Amino acid sequence: MLNNVGVEPEKLTLRQILSVRCPMCGAKPKAKCTLSTGHPSTKTHLARGLAAAKVSRPESSGQAVLRILKAITSRGLRVLQHK
């Protein structure tokens, strides 16, 4: 699972991890994770670290170009279909 992320969660700072919403407990960005009892946790959930790693992963320039080309061509096709 970590192979396709690009950044390992243990190399992220606490600030980077806390910058995303926790998928496990639903804690908002900048807020601590909570336990199932509702009390604040001393640690963050692993899933939150993985989510932060996905967000902070640098996108390669090739992927960025493909994403832009896909957006441009899909807009062009929609314009042609509406005429």
PDB file of N, CA and C in Angstrom:
ATOM      1  N   MET A   1       0.821  -1.193   0.000  1.00  0.00           N
ATOM      2  CA  MET A   1       0.000   0.000   0.000  1.00  0.00           C
ATOM      3  C   MET A   1       0.861   1.251   0.000  1.00  0.00           C
ATOM      4  N   LEU A   2       1.975   1.212   0.667  1.00  0.00           N
ATOM      5  CA  LEU A   2       2.842   2.379   0.709  1.00  0.00           C
ATOM      6  C   LEU A   2       3.612   2.585  -0.591  1.00  0.00           C
ATOM      7  N   ASN A   3       3.735   1.537  -1.397  1.00  0.00           N
ATOM      8  CA  ASN A   3       4.510   1.659  -2.628  1.00  0.00           C
ATOM      9  C   ASN A   3       3.920   2.667  -3.597  1.00  0.00           C
ATOM     10  N   ASN A   4       2.595   2.800  -3.640  1.00  0.00           N
ATOM     11  CA  ASN A   4       1.988   3.732  -4.591  1.00  0.00           C
ATOM     12  C   ASN A   4       1.773   5.113  -3.989  1.00  0.00           C
ATOM     13  N   VAL A   5       2.150   5.316  -2.743  1.00  0.00           N
ATOM     14  CA  VAL A   5       1.971   6.612  -2.105  1.00  0.00           C
ATOM     15  C   VAL A   5       3.119   7.538  -2.424  1.00  0.00           C
ATOM     16  N   GLY A   6       4.353   7.066  -2.341  1.00  0.00           N
ATOM     17  CA  GLY A   6       5.505   7.889  -2.689  1.00  0.00           C
ATOM     18  C   GLY A   6       6.180   8.539  -1.494  1.00  0.00           C
ATOM     19  N   VAL A   7       5.453   8.863  -0.446  1.00  0.00           N
ATOM     20  CA  VAL A   7       6.015   9.450   0.763  1.00  0.00           C
ATOM     21  C   VAL A   7       5.618   8.553   1.919  1.00  0.00           C
ATOM     22  N   GLU A   8       6.573   8.143   2.726  1.00  0.00           N
ATOM     23  CA  GLU A   8       6.257   7.279   3.851  1.00  0.00           C
ATOM     24  C   GLU A   8       5.693   8.108   5.002  1.00  0.00           C
ATOM     25  N   PRO A   9       4.635   7.605   5.674  1.00  0.00           N
ATOM     26  CA  PRO A   9       4.006   8.375   6.738  1.00  0.00           C
ATOM     27  C   PRO A   9       4.941   8.712   7.893  1.00  0.00           C
ATOM     28  N   GLU A  10       5.920   7.859   8.181  1.00  0.00           N
ATOM     29  CA  GLU A  10       6.822   8.156   9.298  1.00  0.00           C
ATOM     30  C   GLU A  10       7.783   9.303   8.990  1.00  0.00           C
ATOM     31  N   LYS A  11       7.890   9.726   7.741  1.00  0.00           N
ATOM     32  CA  LYS A  11       8.757  10.839   7.378  1.00  0.00           C
ATOM     33  C   LYS A  11       8.009  12.165   7.358  1.00  0.00           C
ATOM     34  N   LEU A  12       6.697  12.132   7.589  1.00  0.00           N
ATOM     35  CA  LEU A  12       5.906  13.350   7.624  1.00  0.00           C
ATOM     36  C   LEU A  12       5.980  13.986   9.006  1.00  0.00           C
ATOM     37  N   THR A  13       5.873  15.286   9.039  1.00  0.00           N
ATOM     38  CA  THR A  13       5.856  15.977  10.328  1.00  0.00           C
ATOM     39  C   THR A  13       4.433  15.921  10.885  1.00  0.00           C
ATOM     40  N   LEU A  14       4.306  16.182  12.170  1.00  0.00           N
ATOM     41  CA  LEU A  14       2.987  16.193  12.797  1.00  0.00           C
ATOM     42  C   LEU A  14       2.112  17.266  12.166  1.00  0.00           C
ATOM     43  N   ARG A  15       2.707  18.360  11.780  1.00  0.00           N
ATOM     44  CA  ARG A  15       1.952  19.442  11.141  1.00  0.00           C
ATOM     45  C   ARG A  15       1.358  18.993   9.813  1.00  0.00           C
ATOM     46  N   GLN A  16       2.120  18.221   9.032  1.00  0.00           N
ATOM     47  CA  GLN A  16       1.623  17.711   7.760  1.00  0.00           C
ATOM     48  C   GLN A  16       0.497  16.704   7.980  1.00  0.00           C
ATOM     49  N   ILE A  17       0.649  15.839   8.978  1.00  0.00           N
ATOM     50  CA  ILE A  17      -0.368  14.830   9.259  1.00  0.00           C
ATOM     51  C   ILE A  17      -1.660  15.489   9.732  1.00  0.00           C
ATOM     52  N   LEU A  18      -1.528  16.509  10.585  1.00  0.00           N
ATOM     53  CA  LEU A  18      -2.705  17.185  11.112  1.00  0.00           C
ATOM     54  C   LEU A  18      -3.363  18.118  10.091  1.00  0.00           C
ATOM     55  N   SER A  19      -2.765  18.265   8.920  1.00  0.00           N
ATOM     56  CA  SER A  19      -3.336  19.167   7.911  1.00  0.00           C
ATOM     57  C   SER A  19      -4.499  18.540   7.149  1.00  0.00           C
ATOM     58  N   VAL A  20      -4.747  17.241   7.353  1.00  0.00           N
ATOM     59  CA  VAL A  20      -5.853  16.565   6.673  1.00  0.00           C
ATOM     60  C   VAL A  20      -6.864  16.050   7.688  1.00  0.00           C
ATOM     61  N   ARG A  21      -8.090  15.821   7.227  1.00  0.00           N
ATOM     62  CA  ARG A  21      -9.136  15.243   8.077  1.00  0.00           C
ATOM     63  C   ARG A  21      -8.829  13.761   8.290  1.00  0.00           C
ATOM     64  N   CYS A  22      -9.058  13.268   9.507  1.00  0.00           N
ATOM     65  CA  CYS A  22      -8.800  11.866   9.810  1.00  0.00           C
ATOM     66  C   CYS A  22      -9.924  10.996   9.251  1.00  0.00           C
ATOM     67  N   PRO A  23      -9.592  10.022   8.391  1.00  0.00           N
ATOM     68  CA  PRO A  23     -10.629   9.151   7.846  1.00  0.00           C
ATOM     69  C   PRO A  23     -11.183   8.158   8.865  1.00  0.00           C
ATOM     70  N   MET A  24     -10.484   7.933   9.958  1.00  0.00           N
ATOM     71  CA  MET A  24     -10.941   6.972  10.974  1.00  0.00           C
ATOM     72  C   MET A  24     -11.941   7.588  11.946  1.00  0.00           C
ATOM     73  N   CYS A  25     -11.572   8.699  12.553  1.00  0.00           N
ATOM     74  CA  CYS A  25     -12.430   9.282  13.593  1.00  0.00           C
ATOM     75  C   CYS A  25     -13.125  10.557  13.133  1.00  0.00           C
ATOM     76  N   GLY A  26     -12.767  11.070  11.963  1.00  0.00           N
ATOM     77  CA  GLY A  26     -13.412  12.265  11.438  1.00  0.00           C
ATOM     78  C   GLY A  26     -12.908  13.566  12.036  1.00  0.00           C
ATOM     79  N   ALA A  27     -11.758  13.528  12.722  1.00  0.00           N
ATOM     80  CA  ALA A  27     -11.211  14.748  13.315  1.00  0.00           C
ATOM     81  C   ALA A  27     -10.871  15.746  12.217  1.00  0.00           C
ATOM     82  N   LYS A  28     -11.234  16.986  12.445  1.00  0.00           N
ATOM     83  CA  LYS A  28     -10.997  18.041  11.473  1.00  0.00           C
ATOM     84  C   LYS A  28      -9.505  18.339  11.363  1.00  0.00           C
ATOM     85  N   PRO A  29      -9.074  18.972  10.259  1.00  0.00           N
ATOM     86  CA  PRO A  29      -7.676  19.385  10.162  1.00  0.00           C
ATOM     87  C   PRO A  29      -7.298  20.271  11.348  1.00  0.00           C
ATOM     88  N   LYS A  30      -6.100  20.123  11.821  1.00  0.00           N
ATOM     89  CA  LYS A  30      -5.526  20.825  12.968  1.00  0.00           C
ATOM     90  C   LYS A  30      -6.070  20.348  14.308  1.00  0.00           C
ATOM     91  N   ALA A  31      -7.012  19.391  14.319  1.00  0.00           N
ATOM     92  CA  ALA A  31      -7.547  18.856  15.572  1.00  0.00           C
ATOM     93  C   ALA A  31      -6.947  17.476  15.825  1.00  0.00           C
ATOM     94  N   LYS A  32      -6.816  17.107  17.100  1.00  0.00           N
ATOM     95  CA  LYS A  32      -6.271  15.798  17.441  1.00  0.00           C
ATOM     96  C   LYS A  32      -7.290  14.709  17.151  1.00  0.00           C
ATOM     97  N   CYS A  33      -6.789  13.507  16.897  1.00  0.00           N
ATOM     98  CA  CYS A  33      -7.668  12.355  16.708  1.00  0.00           C
ATOM     99  C   CYS A  33      -8.348  12.028  18.035  1.00  0.00           C
ATOM    100  N   THR A  34      -9.494  11.368  17.932  1.00  0.00           N
ATOM    101  CA  THR A  34     -10.213  10.987  19.141  1.00  0.00           C
ATOM    102  C   THR A  34     -10.332   9.470  19.218  1.00  0.00           C
ATOM    103  N   LEU A  35     -10.463   8.986  20.439  1.00  0.00           N
ATOM    104  CA  LEU A  35     -10.678   7.566  20.676  1.00  0.00           C
ATOM    105  C   LEU A  35     -12.158   7.249  20.471  1.00  0.00           C
ATOM    106  N   SER A  36     -12.504   5.978  20.475  1.00  0.00           N
ATOM    107  CA  SER A  36     -13.908   5.591  20.311  1.00  0.00           C
ATOM    108  C   SER A  36     -14.765   6.080  21.477  1.00  0.00           C
ATOM    109  N   THR A  37     -14.129   6.398  22.614  1.00  0.00           N
ATOM    110  CA  THR A  37     -14.855   6.931  23.775  1.00  0.00           C
ATOM    111  C   THR A  37     -15.116   8.418  23.646  1.00  0.00           C
ATOM    112  N   GLY A  38     -14.499   9.070  22.652  1.00  0.00           N
ATOM    113  CA  GLY A  38     -14.669  10.496  22.460  1.00  0.00           C
ATOM    114  C   GLY A  38     -13.560  11.333  23.072  1.00  0.00           C
ATOM    115  N   HIS A  39     -12.678  10.695  23.823  1.00  0.00           N
ATOM    116  CA  HIS A  39     -11.561  11.407  24.436  1.00  0.00           C
ATOM    117  C   HIS A  39     -10.448  11.627  23.413  1.00  0.00           C
ATOM    118  N   PRO A  40      -9.659  12.688  23.551  1.00  0.00           N
ATOM    119  CA  PRO A  40      -8.559  12.917  22.613  1.00  0.00           C
ATOM    120  C   PRO A  40      -7.501  11.824  22.720  1.00  0.00           C
ATOM    121  N   SER A  41      -6.958  11.459  21.598  1.00  0.00           N
ATOM    122  CA  SER A  41      -5.917  10.433  21.538  1.00  0.00           C
ATOM    123  C   SER A  41      -4.541  11.083  21.622  1.00  0.00           C
ATOM    124  N   THR A  42      -3.581  10.359  22.160  1.00  0.00           N
ATOM    125  CA  THR A  42      -2.216  10.883  22.226  1.00  0.00           C
ATOM    126  C   THR A  42      -1.479  10.690  20.905  1.00  0.00           C
ATOM    127  N   LYS A  43      -1.987   9.789  20.064  1.00  0.00           N
ATOM    128  CA  LYS A  43      -1.375   9.509  18.763  1.00  0.00           C
ATOM    129  C   LYS A  43      -2.392   9.781  17.665  1.00  0.00           C
ATOM    130  N   THR A  44      -1.893   9.949  16.448  1.00  0.00           N
ATOM    131  CA  THR A  44      -2.788  10.076  15.300  1.00  0.00           C
ATOM    132  C   THR A  44      -3.015   8.689  14.707  1.00  0.00           C
ATOM    133  N   HIS A  45      -4.123   8.510  14.018  1.00  0.00           N
ATOM    134  CA  HIS A  45      -4.404   7.230  13.379  1.00  0.00           C
ATOM    135  C   HIS A  45      -3.484   7.040  12.174  1.00  0.00           C
ATOM    136  N   LEU A  46      -3.134   5.803  11.898  1.00  0.00           N
ATOM    137  CA  LEU A  46      -2.268   5.489  10.766  1.00  0.00           C
ATOM    138  C   LEU A  46      -2.920   5.919   9.453  1.00  0.00           C
ATOM    139  N   ALA A  47      -4.230   5.753   9.351  1.00  0.00           N
ATOM    140  CA  ALA A  47      -4.943   6.139   8.130  1.00  0.00           C
ATOM    141  C   ALA A  47      -4.804   7.635   7.859  1.00  0.00           C
ATOM    142  N   ARG A  48      -4.713   8.432   8.909  1.00  0.00           N
ATOM    143  CA  ARG A  48      -4.537   9.877   8.728  1.00  0.00           C
ATOM    144  C   ARG A  48      -3.152  10.165   8.158  1.00  0.00           C
ATOM    145  N   GLY A  49      -2.160   9.434   8.618  1.00  0.00           N
ATOM    146  CA  GLY A  49      -0.812   9.591   8.074  1.00  0.00           C
ATOM    147  C   GLY A  49      -0.750   9.204   6.611  1.00  0.00           C
ATOM    148  N   LEU A  50      -1.464   8.132   6.256  1.00  0.00           N
ATOM    149  CA  LEU A  50      -1.492   7.710   4.850  1.00  0.00           C
ATOM    150  C   LEU A  50      -2.212   8.739   3.981  1.00  0.00           C
ATOM    151  N   ALA A  51      -3.290   9.303   4.503  1.00  0.00           N
ATOM    152  CA  ALA A  51      -4.012  10.330   3.759  1.00  0.00           C
ATOM    153  C   ALA A  51      -3.136  11.562   3.553  1.00  0.00           C
ATOM    154  N   ALA A  52      -2.379  11.928   4.580  1.00  0.00           N
ATOM    155  CA  ALA A  52      -1.479  13.078   4.466  1.00  0.00           C
ATOM    156  C   ALA A  52      -0.355  12.785   3.474  1.00  0.00           C
ATOM    157  N   ALA A  53       0.116  11.539   3.442  1.00  0.00           N
ATOM    158  CA  ALA A  53       1.175  11.172   2.507  1.00  0.00           C
ATOM    159  C   ALA A  53       0.681  11.257   1.067  1.00  0.00           C
ATOM    160  N   LYS A  54      -0.572  10.888   0.839  1.00  0.00           N
ATOM    161  CA  LYS A  54      -1.134  10.975  -0.505  1.00  0.00           C
ATOM    162  C   LYS A  54      -1.277  12.418  -0.947  1.00  0.00           C
ATOM    163  N   VAL A  55      -1.648  13.290  -0.019  1.00  0.00           N
ATOM    164  CA  VAL A  55      -1.821  14.709  -0.339  1.00  0.00           C
ATOM    165  C   VAL A  55      -0.478  15.372  -0.613  1.00  0.00           C
ATOM    166  N   SER A  56       0.541  15.032   0.177  1.00  0.00           N
ATOM    167  CA  SER A  56       1.835  15.701   0.043  1.00  0.00           C
ATOM    168  C   SER A  56       2.732  15.065  -1.010  1.00  0.00           C
ATOM    169  N   ARG A  57       2.245  14.029  -1.670  1.00  0.00           N
ATOM    170  CA  ARG A  57       3.041  13.351  -2.699  1.00  0.00           C
ATOM    171  C   ARG A  57       3.252  14.278  -3.885  1.00  0.00           C
ATOM    172  N   PRO A  58       4.488  14.509  -4.270  1.00  0.00           N
ATOM    173  CA  PRO A  58       4.720  15.363  -5.441  1.00  0.00           C
ATOM    174  C   PRO A  58       4.304  14.642  -6.721  1.00  0.00           C
ATOM    175  N   GLU A  59       3.572  15.320  -7.552  1.00  0.00           N
ATOM    176  CA  GLU A  59       3.113  14.744  -8.806  1.00  0.00           C
ATOM    177  C   GLU A  59       4.202  14.916  -9.862  1.00  0.00           C
ATOM    178  N   SER A  60       4.471  13.859 -10.592  1.00  0.00           N
ATOM    179  CA  SER A  60       5.490  13.968 -11.631  1.00  0.00           C
ATOM    180  C   SER A  60       4.982  14.852 -12.756  1.00  0.00           C
ATOM    181  N   SER A  61       5.888  15.476 -13.471  1.00  0.00           N
ATOM    182  CA  SER A  61       5.488  16.408 -14.531  1.00  0.00           C
ATOM    183  C   SER A  61       4.743  15.697 -15.646  1.00  0.00           C
ATOM    184  N   GLY A  62       5.053  14.443 -15.912  1.00  0.00           N
ATOM    185  CA  GLY A  62       4.354  13.685 -16.939  1.00  0.00           C
ATOM    186  C   GLY A  62       2.892  13.479 -16.587  1.00  0.00           C
ATOM    187  N   GLN A  63       2.624  13.169 -15.315  1.00  0.00           N
ATOM    188  CA  GLN A  63       1.245  12.989 -14.871  1.00  0.00           C
ATOM    189  C   GLN A  63       0.485  14.303 -14.936  1.00  0.00           C
ATOM    190  N   ALA A  64       1.145  15.392 -14.597  1.00  0.00           N
ATOM    191  CA  ALA A  64       0.495  16.698 -14.623  1.00  0.00           C
ATOM    192  C   ALA A  64       0.109  17.066 -16.053  1.00  0.00           C
ATOM    193  N   VAL A  65       0.986  16.803 -16.994  1.00  0.00           N
ATOM    194  CA  VAL A  65       0.705  17.110 -18.400  1.00  0.00           C
ATOM    195  C   VAL A  65      -0.468  16.270 -18.900  1.00  0.00           C
ATOM    196  N   LEU A  66      -0.487  14.989 -18.551  1.00  0.00           N
ATOM    197  CA  LEU A  66      -1.593  14.133 -18.977  1.00  0.00           C
ATOM    198  C   LEU A  66      -2.919  14.594 -18.375  1.00  0.00           C
ATOM    199  N   ARG A  67      -2.891  15.020 -17.120  1.00  0.00           N
ATOM    200  CA  ARG A  67      -4.106  15.490 -16.465  1.00  0.00           C
ATOM    201  C   ARG A  67      -4.636  16.748 -17.154  1.00  0.00           C
ATOM    202  N   ILE A  68      -3.746  17.663 -17.507  1.00  0.00           N
ATOM    203  CA  ILE A  68      -4.140  18.905 -18.185  1.00  0.00           C
ATOM    204  C   ILE A  68      -4.688  18.600 -19.576  1.00  0.00           C
ATOM    205  N   LEU A  69      -4.016  17.726 -20.312  1.00  0.00           N
ATOM    206  CA  LEU A  69      -4.485  17.367 -21.655  1.00  0.00           C
ATOM    207  C   LEU A  69      -5.855  16.703 -21.602  1.00  0.00           C
ATOM    208  N   LYS A  70      -6.063  15.847 -20.605  1.00  0.00           N
ATOM    209  CA  LYS A  70      -7.350  15.188 -20.462  1.00  0.00           C
ATOM    210  C   LYS A  70      -8.457  16.203 -20.185  1.00  0.00           C
ATOM    211  N   ALA A  71      -8.173  17.184 -19.346  1.00  0.00           N
ATOM    212  CA  ALA A  71      -9.160  18.215 -19.024  1.00  0.00           C
ATOM    213  C   ALA A  71      -9.490  19.054 -20.260  1.00  0.00           C
ATOM    214  N   ILE A  72      -8.471  19.402 -21.030  1.00  0.00           N
ATOM    215  CA  ILE A  72      -8.683  20.222 -22.225  1.00  0.00           C
ATOM    216  C   ILE A  72      -9.492  19.462 -23.267  1.00  0.00           C
ATOM    217  N   THR A  73      -9.140  18.211 -23.513  1.00  0.00           N
ATOM    218  CA  THR A  73      -9.851  17.449 -24.542  1.00  0.00           C
ATOM    219  C   THR A  73     -11.276  17.135 -24.131  1.00  0.00           C
ATOM    220  N   SER A  74     -11.512  16.894 -22.866  1.00  0.00           N
ATOM    221  CA  SER A  74     -12.893  16.601 -22.444  1.00  0.00           C
ATOM    222  C   SER A  74     -13.759  17.845 -22.584  1.00  0.00           C
ATOM    223  N   ARG A  75     -13.210  19.032 -22.318  1.00  0.00           N
ATOM    224  CA  ARG A  75     -13.959  20.271 -22.504  1.00  0.00           C
ATOM    225  C   ARG A  75     -14.262  20.486 -23.988  1.00  0.00           C
ATOM    226  N   GLY A  76     -13.276  20.208 -24.831  1.00  0.00           N
ATOM    227  CA  GLY A  76     -13.465  20.389 -26.271  1.00  0.00           C
ATOM    228  C   GLY A  76     -14.526  19.472 -26.813  1.00  0.00           C
ATOM    229  N   LEU A  77     -14.567  18.240 -26.349  1.00  0.00           N
ATOM    230  CA  LEU A  77     -15.588  17.299 -26.813  1.00  0.00           C
ATOM    231  C   LEU A  77     -16.975  17.701 -26.324  1.00  0.00           C
ATOM    232  N   ARG A  78     -17.076  18.237 -25.120  1.00  0.00           N
ATOM    233  CA  ARG A  78     -18.376  18.670 -24.619  1.00  0.00           C
ATOM    234  C   ARG A  78     -18.908  19.854 -25.431  1.00  0.00           C
ATOM    235  N   VAL A  79     -18.021  20.746 -25.839  1.00  0.00           N
ATOM    236  CA  VAL A  79     -18.438  21.890 -26.646  1.00  0.00           C
ATOM    237  C   VAL A  79     -18.952  21.404 -27.995  1.00  0.00           C
ATOM    238  N   LEU A  80     -18.287  20.443 -28.599  1.00  0.00           N
ATOM    239  CA  LEU A  80     -18.721  19.913 -29.889  1.00  0.00           C
ATOM    240  C   LEU A  80     -20.073  19.209 -29.793  1.00  0.00           C
ATOM    241  N   GLN A  81     -20.330  18.547 -28.685  1.00  0.00           N
ATOM    242  CA  GLN A  81     -21.574  17.810 -28.523  1.00  0.00           C
ATOM    243  C   GLN A  81     -22.767  18.730 -28.311  1.00  0.00           C
ATOM    244  N   HIS A  82     -22.549  19.932 -27.763  1.00  0.00           N
ATOM    245  CA  HIS A  82     -23.629  20.849 -27.484  1.00  0.00           C
ATOM    246  C   HIS A  82     -24.090  21.628 -28.717  1.00  0.00           C
ATOM    247  N   LYS A  83     -23.346  21.604 -29.790  1.00  0.00           N
ATOM    248  CA  LYS A  83     -23.722  22.370 -30.995  1.00  0.00           C
ATOM    249  C   LYS A  83     -24.732  21.640 -31.819  1.00  0.00           C
TER     250      LYS A  83
END
